[in-house]
Amino acid sequence: MRLSEIGSKEIVDLSKGSSHGQLWDTELLFEKKDGAIRAVLIPSYHSKGPFKHASEEWIKLPWSNIVKIGEDMIIFQSADLD
């Protein structure tokens, strides 16, 4: 699978039912030895009134927490994050 095929997919937290933007909005952490994706860094958004504002904080999502990469979204389980 190529990044160009999954970059526009929405990232959804199964535990909280919340959206975290698209994969294009993230940073990927790779293993130096084999190039495998180890984690996804998702921008943390803080609500301020009806608008969301990006902060300088990131949520580190281990690749192993991804439950499903579907046709329209990437679903992850956040129970053991934070």
Protein backbone atom coordinates (compact mmCIF):
# COMPACT_ATOMS: atom_id res chain seq x y z
CA MET A 1 0.00 0.00 0.00
CA ARG A 2 1.31 3.43 -0.89
CA LEU A 3 1.01 6.60 1.17
CA SER A 4 -0.68 8.28 -1.79
CA GLU A 5 -3.46 5.68 -1.50
CA ILE A 6 -4.16 6.29 2.20
CA GLY A 7 -3.11 9.92 2.79
CA SER A 8 -6.59 11.37 2.39
CA LYS A 9 -8.23 8.86 4.74
CA GLU A 10 -9.81 10.26 7.90
CA ILE A 11 -8.27 9.08 11.19
CA VAL A 12 -11.00 8.04 13.66
CA ASP A 13 -10.67 7.00 17.30
CA LEU A 14 -12.88 3.96 17.94
CA SER A 15 -12.87 4.48 21.73
CA LYS A 16 -13.98 8.11 21.70
CA GLY A 17 -15.72 8.31 18.33
CA SER A 18 -13.66 11.38 17.45
CA SER A 19 -11.95 12.42 14.24
CA HIS A 20 -8.29 13.45 14.15
CA GLY A 21 -8.03 14.78 10.61
CA GLN A 22 -6.45 13.03 7.66
CA LEU A 23 -3.25 11.04 7.45
CA TRP A 24 -1.75 13.94 5.41
CA ASP A 25 -1.97 16.05 8.61
CA THR A 26 0.27 13.67 10.59
CA GLU A 27 3.93 12.80 10.92
CA LEU A 28 5.10 9.19 10.59
CA LEU A 29 7.83 7.63 12.72
CA PHE A 30 9.85 4.91 10.97
CA GLU A 31 12.14 2.15 12.21
CA LYS A 32 15.65 2.92 10.90
CA LYS A 33 16.59 -0.74 10.41
CA ASP A 34 13.74 -1.88 8.18
CA GLY A 35 11.72 1.25 7.32
CA ALA A 36 8.56 -0.06 9.03
CA ILE A 37 6.12 2.53 10.36
CA ARG A 38 6.29 2.48 14.18
CA ALA A 39 3.93 5.33 15.08
CA VAL A 40 1.83 8.17 13.76
CA LEU A 41 2.05 11.61 15.37
CA ILE A 42 -1.37 13.24 15.28
CA PRO A 43 -1.75 16.99 15.93
CA SER A 44 -3.62 17.67 19.15
CA TYR A 45 -6.58 20.01 18.73
CA HIS A 46 -8.05 22.03 21.55
CA SER A 47 -11.59 23.35 21.34
CA LYS A 48 -12.04 27.06 21.85
CA GLY A 49 -15.66 27.92 21.37
CA PRO A 50 -17.05 26.48 18.13
CA PHE A 51 -13.57 26.28 16.58
CA LYS A 52 -10.69 23.84 16.95
CA HIS A 53 -7.17 25.19 17.17
CA ALA A 54 -4.01 23.16 16.58
CA SER A 55 -1.54 23.22 19.42
CA GLU A 56 2.14 22.35 19.45
CA GLU A 57 1.30 19.06 21.17
CA TRP A 58 1.10 15.72 19.38
CA ILE A 59 -0.64 12.46 20.18
CA LYS A 60 1.66 9.49 19.59
CA LEU A 61 -0.36 6.68 18.05
CA PRO A 62 1.52 3.37 17.87
CA TRP A 63 0.98 1.71 14.49
CA SER A 64 -0.12 -1.41 16.39
CA ASN A 65 -3.17 0.52 17.72
CA ILE A 66 -4.63 0.79 14.22
CA VAL A 67 -7.60 -1.57 14.07
CA LYS A 68 -8.60 -1.15 10.42
CA ILE A 69 -7.58 0.76 7.32
CA GLY A 70 -10.84 0.97 5.42
CA GLU A 71 -11.99 2.49 2.18
CA ASP A 72 -12.61 5.95 3.69
CA MET A 73 -10.96 5.97 7.11
CA ILE A 74 -8.26 4.66 9.38
CA ILE A 75 -9.70 3.42 12.68
CA PHE A 76 -7.57 3.20 15.81
CA GLN A 77 -8.13 2.21 19.43
CA SER A 78 -6.94 4.82 21.96
CA ALA A 79 -7.73 3.01 25.23
CA ASP A 80 -4.09 2.73 26.28
CA LEU A 81 -2.91 6.09 24.86
CA ASP A 82 -2.24 9.35 26.72
